Amino acid sequence: MRILALAILAVVMLGKTAPAQAQTYDPNYPVCLQIYQGMVDYYFECRYTSIPQCQASASGRAAQCVVNPYYAKPVPRKKRRTSKSHR
């Protein structure tokens, strides 16, 4: 009887937990919009190239712009040296 009660309690507790969602930051964009859906529930949209661009999207919403901590800055290309023949 005790095992049955514990099993029922375990099933009820597992049913009450919210599913975990992975927070992903797109490393291609330097600015993210953090959008609030409730007091502690929020998500990120990382698709902005500047803070003003993000702020325009955040205007009038429960949202704020944040710097993307996982932004992968583009690697500058090295200039290719061409050899010139001197006569």
PDB file of N, CA and C in Angstrom:
ATOM      1  N   MET A   1       0.831  -1.190   0.000  1.00  0.00           N
ATOM      2  CA  MET A   1       0.000   0.000   0.000  1.00  0.00           C
ATOM      3  C   MET A   1       0.878   1.256   0.000  1.00  0.00           C
ATOM      4  N   ARG A   2       1.942   1.213   0.791  1.00  0.00           N
ATOM      5  CA  ARG A   2       2.829   2.374   0.880  1.00  0.00           C
ATOM      6  C   ARG A   2       3.543   2.602  -0.459  1.00  0.00           C
ATOM      7  N   ILE A   3       3.939   1.523  -1.129  1.00  0.00           N
ATOM      8  CA  ILE A   3       4.624   1.638  -2.418  1.00  0.00           C
ATOM      9  C   ILE A   3       3.680   2.222  -3.466  1.00  0.00           C
ATOM     10  N   LEU A   4       2.421   1.804  -3.437  1.00  0.00           N
ATOM     11  CA  LEU A   4       1.437   2.328  -4.373  1.00  0.00           C
ATOM     12  C   LEU A   4       1.226   3.822  -4.153  1.00  0.00           C
ATOM     13  N   ALA A   5       1.138   4.247  -2.918  1.00  0.00           N
ATOM     14  CA  ALA A   5       0.958   5.665  -2.600  1.00  0.00           C
ATOM     15  C   ALA A   5       2.167   6.479  -3.058  1.00  0.00           C
ATOM     16  N   LEU A   6       3.363   5.961  -2.858  1.00  0.00           N
ATOM     17  CA  LEU A   6       4.575   6.664  -3.302  1.00  0.00           C
ATOM     18  C   LEU A   6       4.644   6.730  -4.828  1.00  0.00           C
ATOM     19  N   ALA A   7       4.220   5.673  -5.495  1.00  0.00           N
ATOM     20  CA  ALA A   7       4.220   5.663  -6.956  1.00  0.00           C
ATOM     21  C   ALA A   7       3.235   6.698  -7.505  1.00  0.00           C
ATOM     22  N   ILE A   8       2.061   6.777  -6.908  1.00  0.00           N
ATOM     23  CA  ILE A   8       1.069   7.766  -7.327  1.00  0.00           C
ATOM     24  C   ILE A   8       1.589   9.177  -7.078  1.00  0.00           C
ATOM     25  N   LEU A   9       2.193   9.387  -5.935  1.00  0.00           N
ATOM     26  CA  LEU A   9       2.764  10.694  -5.600  1.00  0.00           C
ATOM     27  C   LEU A   9       3.863  11.078  -6.601  1.00  0.00           C
ATOM     28  N   ALA A  10       4.698  10.128  -6.973  1.00  0.00           N
ATOM     29  CA  ALA A  10       5.775  10.396  -7.933  1.00  0.00           C
ATOM     30  C   ALA A  10       5.208  10.771  -9.297  1.00  0.00           C
ATOM     31  N   VAL A  11       4.173  10.066  -9.747  1.00  0.00           N
ATOM     32  CA  VAL A  11       3.552  10.366 -11.035  1.00  0.00           C
ATOM     33  C   VAL A  11       2.915  11.755 -11.013  1.00  0.00           C
ATOM     34  N   VAL A  12       2.248  12.098  -9.932  1.00  0.00           N
ATOM     35  CA  VAL A  12       1.620  13.419  -9.820  1.00  0.00           C
ATOM     36  C   VAL A  12       2.685  14.515  -9.830  1.00  0.00           C
ATOM     37  N   MET A  13       3.778  14.322  -9.120  1.00  0.00           N
ATOM     38  CA  MET A  13       4.850  15.321  -9.062  1.00  0.00           C
ATOM     39  C   MET A  13       5.496  15.504 -10.431  1.00  0.00           C
ATOM     40  N   LEU A  14       5.698  14.426 -11.160  1.00  0.00           N
ATOM     41  CA  LEU A  14       6.285  14.530 -12.495  1.00  0.00           C
ATOM     42  C   LEU A  14       5.335  15.220 -13.463  1.00  0.00           C
ATOM     43  N   GLY A  15       4.050  15.028 -13.269  1.00  0.00           N
ATOM     44  CA  GLY A  15       3.057  15.663 -14.125  1.00  0.00           C
ATOM     45  C   GLY A  15       2.963  17.161 -13.894  1.00  0.00           C
ATOM     46  N   LYS A  16       3.336  17.628 -12.720  1.00  0.00           N
ATOM     47  CA  LYS A  16       3.245  19.053 -12.378  1.00  0.00           C
ATOM     48  C   LYS A  16       4.450  19.858 -12.863  1.00  0.00           C
ATOM     49  N   THR A  17       5.533  19.213 -13.175  1.00  0.00           N
ATOM     50  CA  THR A  17       6.725  19.946 -13.598  1.00  0.00           C
ATOM     51  C   THR A  17       6.563  20.429 -15.034  1.00  0.00           C
ATOM     52  N   ALA A  18       7.105  21.595 -15.311  1.00  0.00           N
ATOM     53  CA  ALA A  18       7.051  22.161 -16.660  1.00  0.00           C
ATOM     54  C   ALA A  18       8.159  21.551 -17.506  1.00  0.00           C
ATOM     55  N   PRO A  19       7.921  21.376 -18.781  1.00  0.00           N
ATOM     56  CA  PRO A  19       8.975  20.836 -19.637  1.00  0.00           C
ATOM     57  C   PRO A  19      10.121  21.839 -19.778  1.00  0.00           C
ATOM     58  N   ALA A  20      11.313  21.340 -19.814  1.00  0.00           N
ATOM     59  CA  ALA A  20      12.477  22.205 -19.944  1.00  0.00           C
ATOM     60  C   ALA A  20      12.628  22.651 -21.391  1.00  0.00           C
ATOM     61  N   GLN A  21      12.942  23.933 -21.551  1.00  0.00           N
ATOM     62  CA  GLN A  21      13.171  24.469 -22.886  1.00  0.00           C
ATOM     63  C   GLN A  21      14.608  24.952 -22.971  1.00  0.00           C
ATOM     64  N   ALA A  22      15.260  24.627 -24.038  1.00  0.00           N
ATOM     65  CA  ALA A  22      16.640  25.053 -24.222  1.00  0.00           C
ATOM     66  C   ALA A  22      16.668  26.503 -24.682  1.00  0.00           C
ATOM     67  N   GLN A  23      17.471  27.298 -24.010  1.00  0.00           N
ATOM     68  CA  GLN A  23      17.673  28.676 -24.428  1.00  0.00           C
ATOM     69  C   GLN A  23      18.836  28.692 -25.396  1.00  0.00           C
ATOM     70  N   THR A  24      18.585  29.159 -26.579  1.00  0.00           N
ATOM     71  CA  THR A  24      19.664  29.209 -27.554  1.00  0.00           C
ATOM     72  C   THR A  24      19.886  30.647 -27.989  1.00  0.00           C
ATOM     73  N   TYR A  25      21.114  30.972 -28.161  1.00  0.00           N
ATOM     74  CA  TYR A  25      21.507  32.271 -28.677  1.00  0.00           C
ATOM     75  C   TYR A  25      22.102  32.032 -30.054  1.00  0.00           C
ATOM     76  N   ASP A  26      21.631  32.770 -31.039  1.00  0.00           N
ATOM     77  CA  ASP A  26      22.185  32.630 -32.383  1.00  0.00           C
ATOM     78  C   ASP A  26      23.528  33.350 -32.423  1.00  0.00           C
ATOM     79  N   PRO A  27      24.623  32.648 -32.642  1.00  0.00           N
ATOM     80  CA  PRO A  27      25.941  33.280 -32.619  1.00  0.00           C
ATOM     81  C   PRO A  27      26.204  34.192 -33.812  1.00  0.00           C
ATOM     82  N   ASN A  28      25.254  34.293 -34.744  1.00  0.00           N
ATOM     83  CA  ASN A  28      25.439  35.138 -35.917  1.00  0.00           C
ATOM     84  C   ASN A  28      25.010  36.587 -35.695  1.00  0.00           C
ATOM     85  N   TYR A  29      24.334  36.872 -34.589  1.00  0.00           N
ATOM     86  CA  TYR A  29      23.827  38.217 -34.327  1.00  0.00           C
ATOM     87  C   TYR A  29      24.328  38.721 -32.978  1.00  0.00           C
ATOM     88  N   PRO A  30      24.779  39.978 -32.917  1.00  0.00           N
ATOM     89  CA  PRO A  30      25.356  40.499 -31.674  1.00  0.00           C
ATOM     90  C   PRO A  30      24.341  40.967 -30.638  1.00  0.00           C
ATOM     91  N   VAL A  31      23.069  41.142 -31.017  1.00  0.00           N
ATOM     92  CA  VAL A  31      22.069  41.681 -30.091  1.00  0.00           C
ATOM     93  C   VAL A  31      20.856  40.763 -30.049  1.00  0.00           C
ATOM     94  N   CYS A  32      20.338  40.544 -28.836  1.00  0.00           N
ATOM     95  CA  CYS A  32      19.152  39.706 -28.637  1.00  0.00           C
ATOM     96  C   CYS A  32      18.043  40.517 -27.982  1.00  0.00           C
ATOM     97  N   LEU A  33      16.822  40.157 -28.285  1.00  0.00           N
ATOM     98  CA  LEU A  33      15.650  40.743 -27.654  1.00  0.00           C
ATOM     99  C   LEU A  33      15.129  39.738 -26.636  1.00  0.00           C
ATOM    100  N   GLN A  34      15.099  40.145 -25.374  1.00  0.00           N
ATOM    101  CA  GLN A  34      14.583  39.281 -24.314  1.00  0.00           C
ATOM    102  C   GLN A  34      13.118  39.647 -24.113  1.00  0.00           C
ATOM    103  N   ILE A  35      12.225  38.711 -24.405  1.00  0.00           N
ATOM    104  CA  ILE A  35      10.790  38.957 -24.369  1.00  0.00           C
ATOM    105  C   ILE A  35      10.185  38.241 -23.168  1.00  0.00           C
ATOM    106  N   TYR A  36       9.463  39.014 -22.350  1.00  0.00           N
ATOM    107  CA  TYR A  36       8.842  38.466 -21.143  1.00  0.00           C
ATOM    108  C   TYR A  36       7.413  38.033 -21.441  1.00  0.00           C
ATOM    109  N   GLN A  37       7.083  36.818 -21.003  1.00  0.00           N
ATOM    110  CA  GLN A  37       5.729  36.285 -21.169  1.00  0.00           C
ATOM    111  C   GLN A  37       4.986  36.268 -19.837  1.00  0.00           C
ATOM    112  N   GLY A  38       5.671  36.433 -18.767  1.00  0.00           N
ATOM    113  CA  GLY A  38       5.094  36.429 -17.432  1.00  0.00           C
ATOM    114  C   GLY A  38       6.121  36.990 -16.467  1.00  0.00           C
ATOM    115  N   MET A  39       5.894  36.804 -15.194  1.00  0.00           N
ATOM    116  CA  MET A  39       6.811  37.356 -14.202  1.00  0.00           C
ATOM    117  C   MET A  39       8.203  36.740 -14.289  1.00  0.00           C
ATOM    118  N   VAL A  40       8.290  35.454 -14.541  1.00  0.00           N
ATOM    119  CA  VAL A  40       9.592  34.786 -14.599  1.00  0.00           C
ATOM    120  C   VAL A  40       9.788  33.986 -15.880  1.00  0.00           C
ATOM    121  N   ASP A  41       8.861  34.080 -16.809  1.00  0.00           N
ATOM    122  CA  ASP A  41       8.937  33.316 -18.050  1.00  0.00           C
ATOM    123  C   ASP A  41       9.338  34.250 -19.190  1.00  0.00           C
ATOM    124  N   TYR A  42      10.427  33.933 -19.866  1.00  0.00           N
ATOM    125  CA  TYR A  42      10.902  34.763 -20.966  1.00  0.00           C
ATOM    126  C   TYR A  42      11.652  33.914 -21.977  1.00  0.00           C
ATOM    127  N   TYR A  43      11.878  34.497 -23.149  1.00  0.00           N
ATOM    128  CA  TYR A  43      12.673  33.835 -24.178  1.00  0.00           C
ATOM    129  C   TYR A  43      13.456  34.894 -24.948  1.00  0.00           C
ATOM    130  N   PHE A  44      14.404  34.442 -25.766  1.00  0.00           N
ATOM    131  CA  PHE A  44      15.275  35.338 -26.508  1.00  0.00           C
ATOM    132  C   PHE A  44      15.060  35.185 -28.006  1.00  0.00           C
ATOM    133  N   GLU A  45      15.111  36.317 -28.697  1.00  0.00           N
ATOM    134  CA  GLU A  45      15.141  36.348 -30.161  1.00  0.00           C
ATOM    135  C   GLU A  45      16.449  37.020 -30.543  1.00  0.00           C
ATOM    136  N   CYS A  46      17.393  36.261 -31.033  1.00  0.00           N
ATOM    137  CA  CYS A  46      18.693  36.812 -31.416  1.00  0.00           C
ATOM    138  C   CYS A  46      18.727  36.947 -32.930  1.00  0.00           C
ATOM    139  N   ARG A  47      18.290  38.101 -33.411  1.00  0.00           N
ATOM    140  CA  ARG A  47      18.313  38.356 -34.853  1.00  0.00           C
ATOM    141  C   ARG A  47      18.488  39.831 -35.176  1.00  0.00           C
ATOM    142  N   TYR A  48      19.211  40.529 -34.310  1.00  0.00           N
ATOM    143  CA  TYR A  48      19.401  41.960 -34.497  1.00  0.00           C
ATOM    144  C   TYR A  48      20.887  42.284 -34.625  1.00  0.00           C
ATOM    145  N   THR A  49      21.180  43.254 -35.496  1.00  0.00           N
ATOM    146  CA  THR A  49      22.571  43.620 -35.736  1.00  0.00           C
ATOM    147  C   THR A  49      23.001  44.844 -34.946  1.00  0.00           C
ATOM    148  N   SER A  50      22.045  45.547 -34.324  1.00  0.00           N
ATOM    149  CA  SER A  50      22.392  46.722 -33.525  1.00  0.00           C
ATOM    150  C   SER A  50      21.366  46.926 -32.420  1.00  0.00           C
ATOM    151  N   ILE A  51      21.775  47.668 -31.393  1.00  0.00           N
ATOM    152  CA  ILE A  51      20.863  47.971 -30.279  1.00  0.00           C
ATOM    153  C   ILE A  51      19.680  48.818 -30.767  1.00  0.00           C
ATOM    154  N   PRO A  52      19.877  49.883 -31.576  1.00  0.00           N
ATOM    155  CA  PRO A  52      18.713  50.646 -32.043  1.00  0.00           C
ATOM    156  C   PRO A  52      17.715  49.806 -32.851  1.00  0.00           C
ATOM    157  N   GLN A  53      18.208  48.891 -33.651  1.00  0.00           N
ATOM    158  CA  GLN A  53      17.317  48.012 -34.409  1.00  0.00           C
ATOM    159  C   GLN A  53      16.486  47.157 -33.450  1.00  0.00           C
ATOM    160  N   CYS A  54      17.119  46.639 -32.417  1.00  0.00           N
ATOM    161  CA  CYS A  54      16.427  45.827 -31.418  1.00  0.00           C
ATOM    162  C   CYS A  54      15.426  46.667 -30.630  1.00  0.00           C
ATOM    163  N   GLN A  55      15.825  47.882 -30.254  1.00  0.00           N
ATOM    164  CA  GLN A  55      14.939  48.753 -29.472  1.00  0.00           C
ATOM    165  C   GLN A  55      13.680  49.114 -30.243  1.00  0.00           C
ATOM    166  N   ALA A  56      13.787  49.234 -31.551  1.00  0.00           N
ATOM    167  CA  ALA A  56      12.596  49.507 -32.361  1.00  0.00           C
ATOM    168  C   ALA A  56      11.612  48.346 -32.275  1.00  0.00           C
ATOM    169  N   SER A  57      12.126  47.141 -32.227  1.00  0.00           N
ATOM    170  CA  SER A  57      11.268  45.968 -32.110  1.00  0.00           C
ATOM    171  C   SER A  57      10.713  45.809 -30.691  1.00  0.00           C
ATOM    172  N   ALA A  58      11.480  46.245 -29.697  1.00  0.00           N
ATOM    173  CA  ALA A  58      11.065  46.104 -28.299  1.00  0.00           C
ATOM    174  C   ALA A  58      10.058  47.169 -27.876  1.00  0.00           C
ATOM    175  N   SER A  59       9.953  48.245 -28.638  1.00  0.00           N
ATOM    176  CA  SER A  59       9.086  49.362 -28.285  1.00  0.00           C
ATOM    177  C   SER A  59       7.640  48.920 -28.078  1.00  0.00           C
ATOM    178  N   GLY A  60       7.089  49.255 -26.923  1.00  0.00           N
ATOM    179  CA  GLY A  60       5.699  48.934 -26.612  1.00  0.00           C
ATOM    180  C   GLY A  60       5.460  47.507 -26.167  1.00  0.00           C
ATOM    181  N   ARG A  61       6.515  46.745 -25.983  1.00  0.00           N
ATOM    182  CA  ARG A  61       6.394  45.343 -25.566  1.00  0.00           C
ATOM    183  C   ARG A  61       7.074  45.148 -24.221  1.00  0.00           C
ATOM    184  N   ALA A  62       6.763  44.068 -23.568  1.00  0.00           N
ATOM    185  CA  ALA A  62       7.453  43.693 -22.332  1.00  0.00           C
ATOM    186  C   ALA A  62       8.740  42.985 -22.750  1.00  0.00           C
ATOM    187  N   ALA A  63       9.729  43.793 -23.144  1.00  0.00           N
ATOM    188  CA  ALA A  63      10.963  43.226 -23.689  1.00  0.00           C
ATOM    189  C   ALA A  63      12.114  44.197 -23.459  1.00  0.00           C
ATOM    190  N   GLN A  64      13.320  43.671 -23.550  1.00  0.00           N
ATOM    191  CA  GLN A  64      14.520  44.503 -23.465  1.00  0.00           C
ATOM    192  C   GLN A  64      15.603  43.918 -24.353  1.00  0.00           C
ATOM    193  N   CYS A  65      16.512  44.775 -24.774  1.00  0.00           N
ATOM    194  CA  CYS A  65      17.611  44.365 -25.642  1.00  0.00           C
ATOM    195  C   CYS A  65      18.832  44.035 -24.793  1.00  0.00           C
ATOM    196  N   VAL A  66      19.495  42.947 -25.133  1.00  0.00           N
ATOM    197  CA  VAL A  66      20.699  42.525 -24.416  1.00  0.00           C
ATOM    198  C   VAL A  66      21.771  42.139 -25.424  1.00  0.00           C
ATOM    199  N   VAL A  67      23.010  42.278 -25.010  1.00  0.00           N
ATOM    200  CA  VAL A  67      24.132  41.881 -25.850  1.00  0.00           C
ATOM    201  C   VAL A  67      24.229  40.362 -25.823  1.00  0.00           C
ATOM    202  N   ASN A  68      24.403  39.762 -26.979  1.00  0.00           N
ATOM    203  CA  ASN A  68      24.500  38.312 -27.108  1.00  0.00           C
ATOM    204  C   ASN A  68      25.855  37.845 -26.567  1.00  0.00           C
ATOM    205  N   PRO A  69      25.864  37.089 -25.458  1.00  0.00           N
ATOM    206  CA  PRO A  69      27.142  36.647 -24.894  1.00  0.00           C
ATOM    207  C   PRO A  69      27.848  35.592 -25.742  1.00  0.00           C
ATOM    208  N   TYR A  70      27.145  35.014 -26.698  1.00  0.00           N
ATOM    209  CA  TYR A  70      27.725  33.959 -27.534  1.00  0.00           C
ATOM    210  C   TYR A  70      27.958  34.408 -28.970  1.00  0.00           C
ATOM    211  N   TYR A  71      27.976  35.711 -29.188  1.00  0.00           N
ATOM    212  CA  TYR A  71      28.183  36.236 -30.536  1.00  0.00           C
ATOM    213  C   TYR A  71      29.572  35.858 -31.025  1.00  0.00           C
ATOM    214  N   ALA A  72      29.625  35.232 -32.180  1.00  0.00           N
ATOM    215  CA  ALA A  72      30.899  34.843 -32.784  1.00  0.00           C
ATOM    216  C   ALA A  72      31.298  35.928 -33.773  1.00  0.00           C
ATOM    217  N   LYS A  73      32.190  36.782 -33.346  1.00  0.00           N
ATOM    218  CA  LYS A  73      32.614  37.884 -34.203  1.00  0.00           C
ATOM    219  C   LYS A  73      33.245  37.335 -35.470  1.00  0.00           C
ATOM    220  N   PRO A  74      32.937  37.988 -36.602  1.00  0.00           N
ATOM    221  CA  PRO A  74      33.529  37.504 -37.846  1.00  0.00           C
ATOM    222  C   PRO A  74      35.048  37.664 -37.818  1.00  0.00           C
ATOM    223  N   VAL A  75      35.718  36.681 -38.329  1.00  0.00           N
ATOM    224  CA  VAL A  75      37.177  36.708 -38.375  1.00  0.00           C
ATOM    225  C   VAL A  75      37.597  37.553 -39.569  1.00  0.00           C
ATOM    226  N   PRO A  76      38.432  38.573 -39.338  1.00  0.00           N
ATOM    227  CA  PRO A  76      38.841  39.405 -40.477  1.00  0.00           C
ATOM    228  C   PRO A  76      39.695  38.610 -41.451  1.00  0.00           C
ATOM    229  N   ARG A  77      39.452  38.857 -42.707  1.00  0.00           N
ATOM    230  CA  ARG A  77      40.222  38.173 -43.752  1.00  0.00           C
ATOM    231  C   ARG A  77      41.591  38.814 -43.877  1.00  0.00           C
ATOM    232  N   LYS A  78      42.562  37.984 -44.066  1.00  0.00           N
ATOM    233  CA  LYS A  78      43.900  38.506 -44.301  1.00  0.00           C
ATOM    234  C   LYS A  78      43.997  38.910 -45.760  1.00  0.00           C
ATOM    235  N   LYS A  79      44.630  40.051 -45.962  1.00  0.00           N
ATOM    236  CA  LYS A  79      44.802  40.508 -47.334  1.00  0.00           C
ATOM    237  C   LYS A  79      45.798  39.602 -48.042  1.00  0.00           C
ATOM    238  N   ARG A  80      45.438  39.257 -49.192  1.00  0.00           N
ATOM    239  CA  ARG A  80      46.293  38.371 -49.975  1.00  0.00           C
ATOM    240  C   ARG A  80      47.375  39.193 -50.662  1.00  0.00           C
ATOM    241  N   ARG A  81      48.549  38.780 -50.458  1.00  0.00           N
ATOM    242  CA  ARG A  81      49.657  39.513 -51.025  1.00  0.00           C
ATOM    243  C   ARG A  81      49.934  38.999 -52.428  1.00  0.00           C
ATOM    244  N   THR A  82      49.974  39.907 -53.339  1.00  0.00           N
ATOM    245  CA  THR A  82      50.312  39.512 -54.695  1.00  0.00           C
ATOM    246  C   THR A  82      51.747  39.900 -54.975  1.00  0.00           C
ATOM    247  N   SER A  83      52.416  39.065 -55.632  1.00  0.00           N
ATOM    248  CA  SER A  83      53.819  39.366 -55.943  1.00  0.00           C
ATOM    249  C   SER A  83      53.879  40.121 -57.258  1.00  0.00           C
ATOM    250  N   LYS A  84      54.594  41.194 -57.217  1.00  0.00           N
ATOM    251  CA  LYS A  84      54.758  42.015 -58.421  1.00  0.00           C
ATOM    252  C   LYS A  84      56.179  41.785 -58.942  1.00  0.00           C
ATOM    253  N   SER A  85      56.242  41.573 -60.180  1.00  0.00           N
ATOM    254  CA  SER A  85      57.579  41.378 -60.742  1.00  0.00           C
ATOM    255  C   SER A  85      58.164  42.739 -61.115  1.00  0.00           C
ATOM    256  N   HIS A  86      59.375  42.950 -60.727  1.00  0.00           N
ATOM    257  CA  HIS A  86      60.069  44.200 -61.017  1.00  0.00           C
ATOM    258  C   HIS A  86      61.038  43.975 -62.166  1.00  0.00           C
ATOM    259  N   ARG A  87      61.054  44.856 -63.088  1.00  0.00           N
ATOM    260  CA  ARG A  87      61.959  44.719 -64.227  1.00  0.00           C
ATOM    261  C   ARG A  87      63.131  45.606 -64.106  1.00  0.00           C
TER     262      ARG A  87
END
